[in-house]
Amino acid sequence: MAKDDYNVIKFKILVYLYGILKRRYTFTADEFNNLLERNNINDEYFIDILELMLEESLIKNITISTAMGGHKFINSDISNVKITARGINHLEENKLMNKIKENALSSLGLLGEFVKKVLL
């Protein structure tokens, strides 16, 4: 699976937000962006992913608005985003999320460290 695949990015967001819920981390934009490798994700695609996660009720406390011309933007502070109970269940029980978790644990890197600290 590619690093910019929807499910990989969704997994990273959920792991990070779950770590915050568990009080293992305090939200910082730099840490969030580093984990997600935001410099490799198109802004519009990132907003689309957040919007899909909202529609799936995996996250809450974020507002996405659409300007004239169809341009979407985040209309709230990203640091206020929270994982929902449904998001936690999805992270722990979804087969694809478990596959991504296993791949993260078998490779060295920032994501593997987050997974170890949050999910193990």
C-alpha atoms as a PDB file:
ATOM      1  CA  MET A   1       0.000   0.000   0.000  1.00  0.00           C
ATOM      2  CA  ALA A   2       1.320   3.439  -0.907  1.00  0.00           C
ATOM      3  CA  LYS A   3       2.159   5.997   1.789  1.00  0.00           C
ATOM      4  CA  ASP A   4      -0.483   8.323   0.369  1.00  0.00           C
ATOM      5  CA  ASP A   5      -3.209   5.647   0.240  1.00  0.00           C
ATOM      6  CA  TYR A   6      -6.437   6.752   1.949  1.00  0.00           C
ATOM      7  CA  ASN A   7      -6.370   3.886   4.440  1.00  0.00           C
ATOM      8  CA  VAL A   8      -2.722   4.463   5.395  1.00  0.00           C
ATOM      9  CA  ILE A   9      -3.330   8.153   6.052  1.00  0.00           C
ATOM     10  CA  LYS A  10      -6.545   7.342   7.923  1.00  0.00           C
ATOM     11  CA  PHE A  11      -4.634   4.840  10.083  1.00  0.00           C
ATOM     12  CA  LYS A  12      -1.958   7.416  10.910  1.00  0.00           C
ATOM     13  CA  ILE A  13      -4.543  10.024  11.869  1.00  0.00           C
ATOM     14  CA  LEU A  14      -6.459   7.580  14.055  1.00  0.00           C
ATOM     15  CA  VAL A  15      -3.320   6.295  15.797  1.00  0.00           C
ATOM     16  CA  TYR A  16      -2.189   9.835  16.543  1.00  0.00           C
ATOM     17  CA  LEU A  17      -5.588  10.937  17.838  1.00  0.00           C
ATOM     18  CA  TYR A  18      -5.922   7.777  19.938  1.00  0.00           C
ATOM     19  CA  GLY A  19      -2.504   8.490  21.431  1.00  0.00           C
ATOM     20  CA  ILE A  20      -3.733  11.953  22.390  1.00  0.00           C
ATOM     21  CA  LEU A  21      -6.888  10.502  23.942  1.00  0.00           C
ATOM     22  CA  LYS A  22      -4.760   8.097  25.980  1.00  0.00           C
ATOM     23  CA  ARG A  23      -2.657  11.097  27.095  1.00  0.00           C
ATOM     24  CA  ARG A  24       0.481   9.608  25.564  1.00  0.00           C
ATOM     25  CA  TYR A  25       0.902  12.758  23.454  1.00  0.00           C
ATOM     26  CA  THR A  26      -0.170  16.360  23.370  1.00  0.00           C
ATOM     27  CA  PHE A  27      -1.106  17.595  19.917  1.00  0.00           C
ATOM     28  CA  THR A  28       1.633  19.443  18.099  1.00  0.00           C
ATOM     29  CA  ALA A  29       1.326  20.411  14.465  1.00  0.00           C
ATOM     30  CA  ASP A  30       4.922  19.398  13.737  1.00  0.00           C
ATOM     31  CA  GLU A  31       4.516  15.917  15.203  1.00  0.00           C
ATOM     32  CA  PHE A  32       1.169  15.430  13.437  1.00  0.00           C
ATOM     33  CA  ASN A  33       2.587  16.598  10.107  1.00  0.00           C
ATOM     34  CA  ASN A  34       5.731  14.479  10.480  1.00  0.00           C
ATOM     35  CA  LEU A  35       3.762  11.324  11.240  1.00  0.00           C
ATOM     36  CA  LEU A  36       1.427  11.907   8.299  1.00  0.00           C
ATOM     37  CA  GLU A  37       4.278  12.989   6.036  1.00  0.00           C
ATOM     38  CA  ARG A  38       2.105  15.970   5.137  1.00  0.00           C
ATOM     39  CA  ASN A  39       4.703  17.358   2.736  1.00  0.00           C
ATOM     40  CA  ASN A  40       3.843  14.370   0.504  1.00  0.00           C
ATOM     41  CA  ILE A  41       0.059  14.801   0.692  1.00  0.00           C
ATOM     42  CA  ASN A  42      -1.818  17.271  -1.464  1.00  0.00           C
ATOM     43  CA  ASP A  43      -3.799  19.698   0.741  1.00  0.00           C
ATOM     44  CA  GLU A  44      -7.079  19.105  -1.096  1.00  0.00           C
ATOM     45  CA  TYR A  45      -6.638  15.331  -0.827  1.00  0.00           C
ATOM     46  CA  PHE A  46      -5.902  15.675   2.894  1.00  0.00           C
ATOM     47  CA  ILE A  47      -9.092  17.680   3.407  1.00  0.00           C
ATOM     48  CA  ASP A  48     -11.064  15.094   1.410  1.00  0.00           C
ATOM     49  CA  ILE A  49      -9.707  12.369   3.716  1.00  0.00           C
ATOM     50  CA  LEU A  50     -10.726  14.305   6.826  1.00  0.00           C
ATOM     51  CA  GLU A  51     -14.165  14.888   5.326  1.00  0.00           C
ATOM     52  CA  LEU A  52     -14.590  11.167   4.601  1.00  0.00           C
ATOM     53  CA  MET A  53     -13.488  10.344   8.154  1.00  0.00           C
ATOM     54  CA  LEU A  54     -16.103  12.787   9.469  1.00  0.00           C
ATOM     55  CA  GLU A  55     -18.765  11.149   7.309  1.00  0.00           C
ATOM     56  CA  GLU A  56     -17.737   7.743   8.716  1.00  0.00           C
ATOM     57  CA  SER A  57     -17.974   9.228  12.256  1.00  0.00           C
ATOM     58  CA  LEU A  58     -14.351   8.250  12.944  1.00  0.00           C
ATOM     59  CA  ILE A  59     -13.409  11.779  14.040  1.00  0.00           C
ATOM     60  CA  LYS A  60     -15.184  14.840  15.395  1.00  0.00           C
ATOM     61  CA  ASN A  61     -14.620  18.527  16.246  1.00  0.00           C
ATOM     62  CA  ILE A  62     -13.556  19.673  12.806  1.00  0.00           C
ATOM     63  CA  THR A  63     -15.425  21.813  10.327  1.00  0.00           C
ATOM     64  CA  ILE A  64     -14.747  21.716   6.611  1.00  0.00           C
ATOM     65  CA  SER A  65     -16.256  24.438   4.467  1.00  0.00           C
ATOM     66  CA  THR A  66     -16.506  24.974   0.746  1.00  0.00           C
ATOM     67  CA  ALA A  67     -15.747  28.350  -0.789  1.00  0.00           C
ATOM     68  CA  MET A  68     -17.014  29.652  -4.076  1.00  0.00           C
ATOM     69  CA  GLY A  69     -15.532  27.617  -6.865  1.00  0.00           C
ATOM     70  CA  GLY A  70     -15.674  24.426  -4.822  1.00  0.00           C
ATOM     71  CA  HIS A  71     -12.392  24.931  -2.959  1.00  0.00           C
ATOM     72  CA  LYS A  72     -12.587  23.176   0.444  1.00  0.00           C
ATOM     73  CA  PHE A  73     -10.807  24.389   3.538  1.00  0.00           C
ATOM     74  CA  ILE A  74     -10.586  23.477   7.208  1.00  0.00           C
ATOM     75  CA  ASN A  75     -12.632  26.029   9.092  1.00  0.00           C
ATOM     76  CA  SER A  76     -11.522  25.045  12.603  1.00  0.00           C
ATOM     77  CA  ASP A  77      -8.385  24.381  14.581  1.00  0.00           C
ATOM     78  CA  ILE A  78      -6.962  20.988  13.579  1.00  0.00           C
ATOM     79  CA  SER A  79      -5.626  20.553  17.122  1.00  0.00           C
ATOM     80  CA  ASN A  80      -9.218  20.170  18.361  1.00  0.00           C
ATOM     81  CA  VAL A  81      -9.925  17.070  16.270  1.00  0.00           C
ATOM     82  CA  LYS A  82     -10.825  14.059  18.417  1.00  0.00           C
ATOM     83  CA  ILE A  83     -11.132  10.350  17.706  1.00  0.00           C
ATOM     84  CA  THR A  84     -14.591   8.903  18.331  1.00  0.00           C
ATOM     85  CA  ALA A  85     -15.495   5.574  19.913  1.00  0.00           C
ATOM     86  CA  ARG A  86     -16.292   4.384  16.400  1.00  0.00           C
ATOM     87  CA  GLY A  87     -12.822   5.525  15.298  1.00  0.00           C
ATOM     88  CA  ILE A  88     -11.197   3.513  18.099  1.00  0.00           C
ATOM     89  CA  ASN A  89     -13.213   0.411  17.199  1.00  0.00           C
ATOM     90  CA  HIS A  90     -12.353   0.867  13.527  1.00  0.00           C
ATOM     91  CA  LEU A  91      -8.667   1.161  14.380  1.00  0.00           C
ATOM     92  CA  GLU A  92      -8.702  -1.961  16.546  1.00  0.00           C
ATOM     93  CA  GLU A  93     -11.115  -4.242  14.681  1.00  0.00           C
ATOM     94  CA  ASN A  94     -10.868  -3.441  10.971  1.00  0.00           C
ATOM     95  CA  LYS A  95      -8.818  -6.060   9.087  1.00  0.00           C
ATOM     96  CA  LEU A  96      -7.164  -3.512   6.827  1.00  0.00           C
ATOM     97  CA  MET A  97      -6.211  -1.324   9.804  1.00  0.00           C
ATOM     98  CA  ASN A  98      -4.659  -4.397  11.451  1.00  0.00           C
ATOM     99  CA  LYS A  99      -2.691  -5.143   8.274  1.00  0.00           C
ATOM    100  CA  ILE A 100      -1.346  -1.582   8.203  1.00  0.00           C
ATOM    101  CA  LYS A 101      -0.498  -1.881  11.911  1.00  0.00           C
ATOM    102  CA  GLU A 102       1.483  -5.078  11.313  1.00  0.00           C
ATOM    103  CA  ASN A 103       3.347  -3.459   8.414  1.00  0.00           C
ATOM    104  CA  ALA A 104       4.162  -0.438  10.589  1.00  0.00           C
ATOM    105  CA  LEU A 105       5.443  -2.647  13.401  1.00  0.00           C
ATOM    106  CA  SER A 106       7.688  -4.622  11.058  1.00  0.00           C
ATOM    107  CA  SER A 107       9.382  -1.523   9.665  1.00  0.00           C
ATOM    108  CA  LEU A 108      11.567   1.002  11.375  1.00  0.00           C
ATOM    109  CA  GLY A 109      10.329   4.535  11.584  1.00  0.00           C
ATOM    110  CA  LEU A 110       8.127   7.060  13.260  1.00  0.00           C
ATOM    111  CA  LEU A 111       4.843   5.266  12.543  1.00  0.00           C
ATOM    112  CA  GLY A 112       6.094   2.047  14.127  1.00  0.00           C
ATOM    113  CA  GLU A 113       7.094   3.959  17.259  1.00  0.00           C
ATOM    114  CA  PHE A 114       3.646   5.546  17.490  1.00  0.00           C
ATOM    115  CA  VAL A 115       1.945   2.187  17.008  1.00  0.00           C
ATOM    116  CA  LYS A 116       4.054   0.578  19.749  1.00  0.00           C
ATOM    117  CA  LYS A 117       3.326   3.399  22.166  1.00  0.00           C
ATOM    118  CA  VAL A 118      -0.410   3.668  21.431  1.00  0.00           C
ATOM    119  CA  LEU A 119      -1.667   0.235  20.392  1.00  0.00           C
ATOM    120  CA  LEU A 120       0.558  -2.214  22.242  1.00  0.00           C
END
